[in-house]
Each structure stands twice: as structure tokens, then as C-alpha cells.
Amino acid sequence: AEFSNKKKDLEKFLANSNYFLVCIGNELGMARYFISKELEKKNIKPLEVISKNAYFDDKKLLGKGIQLFPNSVVQTGAKVGDYSILNTGSILEHDCEVGNGVHIMPGAAIGGNVIISDFVTIGMNATVMPKIIIEEGAYIGAGAVVNKNVKKNEVVAGNPAKVLKKIEHKFDLKFFK
């Protein structure tokens, strides 16, 4: 594979590519999602990366361009949106709904019936209790224990998780124009 961050190389890459994978993690799920959507417009197909040691109940419930790392678990009835990442040892329990461009970091445990909106990041070893709603763009700190709903763009941390601040997500696609 060739790597570049130069705009002049983009057209060459696009002309010679049939498939793509956007490897942007952490809190940059919005960037991963919108870059992927632009690449789709160029008639390049997303790759999925699913470890042979990952478990999922029903592949039809997994979005395109998904990345499931070793020992990640997606239980019965859980849905995962496009271009989301479930990192090593993360657990998504039954009947959860995960939006697009979400990153669930290593060791995070998400209880059953949780709703996670687009572009959420859940930190390493965080725990989200069952039936919680996490709104778009929220960031859950490492080791947090979330026992209450989290509003749009809130950053929460601690046990129990408390709001630290609000953040704003910005992303510009000028590289593709």
C-alpha cells in the first residue's frame, strides 16, 4: 500500500484503487465517515476489517466499512452503523444501536439496549449501563461508568460519569474539492 497526505497524489490513488479503508480512530469518527462517503462517490468500495477472533451474531446488522478488532463482541440483535470501529476486547451487548463513525475503544463494555448516535467515541475500559442513550458527537472518557444519558457533544468522565465540557466537531472536505 502507498500512503500520502498530498492532494496531488489523491487522483493517482483513486485511479488505481478498487477498495479503500480509512484508518482514522479516536475522536475523529466524523472525519472517517465523511472521507469514506467521498471515496464512495469515486466508485471505490469500502473494505471491512473483521478479525477472525471477533464475534458477531448477524453480519446483516453490521454497516459497511466496519472494523471489528480481535475479541470484540457484537451480541444478538445489536446493529452497528457504517465506518464504525469496535476495538480489541470491546463488548456490545444485545439489542444495541450504534450509529455511523463510532469508535468503541479497547475493553469498553456497552450494556444491552443502549443507543449510541453518530460520531460518538467511547474510551478504553469505559462501561455504559443498559438502556442509556448517548447523543451525537459525545465523548466518553477512559474508565468512565455511564449511568445516565449523555447529550450531544458532551464530554463525560469518572465514576459515575459527569459532564466535563461540551465540544464542537468540525470537518472540512476541501482535500476532495
Protein backbone atom coordinates (compact mmCIF):
# COMPACT_ATOMS: atom_id res chain seq x y z
CA ALA A 1 0.00 0.00 0.00
CA GLU A 2 1.06 3.55 -0.66
CA PHE A 3 0.39 6.35 1.80
CA SER A 4 0.35 10.08 1.21
CA ASN A 5 -1.23 13.21 2.59
CA LYS A 6 -0.61 15.22 -0.58
CA LYS A 7 -3.58 16.30 -2.67
CA LYS A 8 -1.68 15.74 -5.96
CA ASP A 9 -1.37 12.03 -5.10
CA LEU A 10 -5.09 11.59 -4.48
CA GLU A 11 -6.19 11.35 -8.13
CA LYS A 12 -3.45 8.80 -8.85
CA PHE A 13 -4.53 6.71 -5.87
CA LEU A 14 -8.18 6.90 -6.89
CA ALA A 15 -7.45 5.85 -10.48
CA ASN A 16 -5.52 2.79 -9.29
CA SER A 17 -7.82 1.68 -6.47
CA ASN A 18 -10.88 -0.53 -6.28
CA TYR A 19 -11.18 -0.63 -2.49
CA PHE A 20 -10.43 1.65 0.45
CA LEU A 21 -10.09 1.64 4.21
CA VAL A 22 -9.94 4.86 6.22
CA CYS A 23 -7.78 4.33 9.29
CA ILE A 24 -8.67 7.29 11.47
CA GLY A 25 -9.56 6.43 15.05
CA ASN A 26 -10.04 8.13 18.39
CA GLU A 27 -12.47 11.06 18.37
CA LEU A 28 -12.26 11.51 14.60
CA GLY A 29 -15.20 9.32 13.61
CA MET A 30 -16.83 12.19 11.74
CA ALA A 31 -13.72 12.57 9.57
CA ARG A 32 -13.55 8.80 8.99
CA TYR A 33 -17.21 8.75 7.95
CA PHE A 34 -17.20 11.76 5.60
CA ILE A 35 -13.90 10.84 3.94
CA SER A 36 -15.33 7.37 3.34
CA LYS A 37 -18.51 8.83 1.81
CA GLU A 38 -16.39 10.95 -0.57
CA LEU A 39 -14.39 7.87 -1.61
CA GLU A 40 -17.64 6.00 -2.27
CA LYS A 41 -18.63 8.79 -4.69
CA LYS A 42 -15.47 7.91 -6.67
CA ASN A 43 -16.86 4.36 -7.15
CA ILE A 44 -14.35 2.79 -4.78
CA LYS A 45 -15.74 0.14 -2.45
CA PRO A 46 -15.13 0.12 1.31
CA LEU A 47 -13.27 -2.78 2.87
CA GLU A 48 -14.41 -4.26 6.11
CA VAL A 49 -11.80 -5.45 8.56
CA ILE A 50 -13.15 -8.23 10.77
CA SER A 51 -10.75 -10.23 12.88
CA LYS A 52 -11.17 -13.99 12.79
CA ASN A 53 -11.28 -13.68 16.59
CA ALA A 54 -14.18 -11.20 16.63
CA TYR A 55 -17.70 -12.41 17.36
CA PHE A 56 -20.89 -11.07 15.79
CA ASP A 57 -24.31 -12.66 15.69
CA ASP A 58 -25.64 -11.39 12.35
CA LYS A 59 -23.47 -9.83 9.64
CA LYS A 60 -26.53 -8.19 8.07
CA LEU A 61 -26.65 -5.89 11.12
CA LEU A 62 -23.11 -4.60 10.52
CA GLY A 63 -22.61 -1.47 8.42
CA LYS A 64 -20.20 -1.10 5.54
CA GLY A 65 -16.55 -0.33 6.20
CA ILE A 66 -16.80 -1.70 9.73
CA GLN A 67 -13.70 -2.66 11.71
CA LEU A 68 -14.00 -5.39 14.34
CA PHE A 69 -10.74 -5.99 16.17
CA PRO A 70 -9.71 -9.24 17.94
CA ASN A 71 -12.01 -10.37 20.74
CA SER A 72 -14.59 -7.67 20.05
CA VAL A 73 -18.14 -8.90 20.56
CA VAL A 74 -21.40 -7.81 18.90
CA GLN A 75 -24.24 -9.71 20.56
CA THR A 76 -27.67 -10.75 19.30
CA GLY A 77 -29.76 -8.01 17.73
CA ALA A 78 -27.08 -5.33 18.02
CA LYS A 79 -26.76 -3.04 14.97
CA VAL A 80 -23.58 -1.18 14.05
CA GLY A 81 -23.51 1.73 11.60
CA ASP A 82 -21.19 2.42 8.69
CA TYR A 83 -17.49 3.09 9.24
CA SER A 84 -17.57 2.30 12.93
CA ILE A 85 -14.76 0.66 14.91
CA LEU A 86 -15.10 -1.84 17.75
CA ASN A 87 -11.61 -2.14 19.11
CA THR A 88 -9.88 -5.06 20.84
CA GLY A 89 -11.94 -6.72 23.56
CA SER A 90 -14.88 -4.30 23.36
CA ILE A 91 -18.33 -5.71 24.09
CA LEU A 92 -21.58 -4.52 22.54
CA GLU A 93 -24.41 -6.33 24.28
CA HIS A 94 -27.79 -7.37 22.88
CA ASP A 95 -30.16 -5.07 21.01
CA CYS A 96 -27.89 -2.00 20.97
CA GLU A 97 -27.97 0.52 18.14
CA VAL A 98 -24.67 2.10 17.14
CA GLY A 99 -24.57 4.97 14.66
CA ASN A 100 -22.11 5.83 11.91
CA GLY A 101 -18.48 6.73 12.54
CA VAL A 102 -18.50 5.50 16.13
CA HIS A 103 -15.31 4.33 17.87
CA ILE A 104 -15.59 1.96 20.82
CA MET A 105 -12.08 1.67 22.25
CA PRO A 106 -10.41 -1.43 23.73
CA GLY A 107 -12.10 -3.07 26.68
CA ALA A 108 -15.21 -0.87 26.66
CA ALA A 109 -18.41 -2.66 27.72
CA ILE A 110 -21.77 -1.46 26.42
CA GLY A 111 -24.83 -2.88 28.20
CA GLY A 112 -27.93 -4.09 26.41
CA ASN A 113 -30.43 -1.80 24.67
CA VAL A 114 -28.04 1.17 24.52
CA ILE A 115 -28.44 3.72 21.72
CA ILE A 116 -25.21 5.34 20.53
CA SER A 117 -25.63 8.10 17.94
CA ASP A 118 -23.26 9.06 15.12
CA PHE A 119 -19.63 10.08 15.75
CA VAL A 120 -19.51 9.04 19.42
CA THR A 121 -16.23 7.93 20.98
CA ILE A 122 -16.24 5.59 23.95
CA GLY A 123 -12.91 5.47 25.76
CA MET A 124 -10.85 2.50 26.81
CA ASN A 125 -12.39 0.34 29.56
CA ALA A 126 -15.47 2.57 29.84
CA THR A 127 -18.73 0.96 30.95
CA VAL A 128 -22.11 2.07 29.64
CA MET A 129 -25.01 0.72 31.66
CA PRO A 130 -28.07 -0.79 29.88
CA LYS A 131 -30.77 1.39 28.26
CA ILE A 132 -28.59 4.53 28.09
CA ILE A 133 -28.82 6.99 25.18
CA ILE A 134 -25.62 8.68 24.03
CA GLU A 135 -26.28 11.51 21.61
CA GLU A 136 -24.26 12.53 18.54
CA GLY A 137 -20.62 13.55 18.95
CA ALA A 138 -20.34 12.70 22.65
CA TYR A 139 -17.03 11.57 24.10
CA ILE A 140 -16.92 9.08 26.96
CA GLY A 141 -13.62 9.17 28.85
CA ALA A 142 -11.47 6.13 29.55
CA GLY A 143 -12.73 4.12 32.51
CA ALA A 144 -15.95 6.13 32.83
CA VAL A 145 -19.08 4.47 34.19
CA VAL A 146 -22.05 5.94 32.35
CA ASN A 147 -25.31 5.50 34.25
CA LYS A 148 -27.23 8.48 32.78
CA ASN A 149 -27.97 9.63 29.24
CA VAL A 150 -25.28 11.76 27.57
CA LYS A 151 -26.29 14.79 25.49
CA LYS A 152 -24.94 15.85 22.09
CA ASN A 153 -21.23 16.79 22.08
CA GLU A 154 -20.78 16.32 25.83
CA VAL A 155 -17.50 15.03 27.22
CA VAL A 156 -18.06 12.86 30.30
CA ALA A 157 -15.63 11.03 32.57
CA GLY A 158 -15.42 9.47 36.01
CA ASN A 159 -17.38 7.00 38.11
CA PRO A 160 -20.17 7.86 37.89
CA ALA A 161 -19.59 9.81 34.68
CA LYS A 162 -20.03 13.58 34.97
CA VAL A 163 -20.07 16.25 32.27
CA LEU A 164 -16.68 17.95 31.91
CA LYS A 165 -17.41 20.18 28.92
CA LYS A 166 -19.04 20.44 25.51
CA ILE A 167 -17.06 20.07 22.30
CA GLU A 168 -17.69 21.09 18.71
CA HIS A 169 -16.87 18.78 15.82
CA LYS A 170 -15.62 20.42 12.65
CA PHE A 171 -14.50 18.73 9.49
CA ASP A 172 -13.68 20.22 6.09
CA LEU A 173 -13.63 18.15 2.89
CA LYS A 174 -11.58 20.69 0.90
CA PHE A 175 -8.98 17.98 0.21
CA PHE A 176 -11.52 16.34 -2.15
CA LYS A 177 -12.52 19.52 -3.97
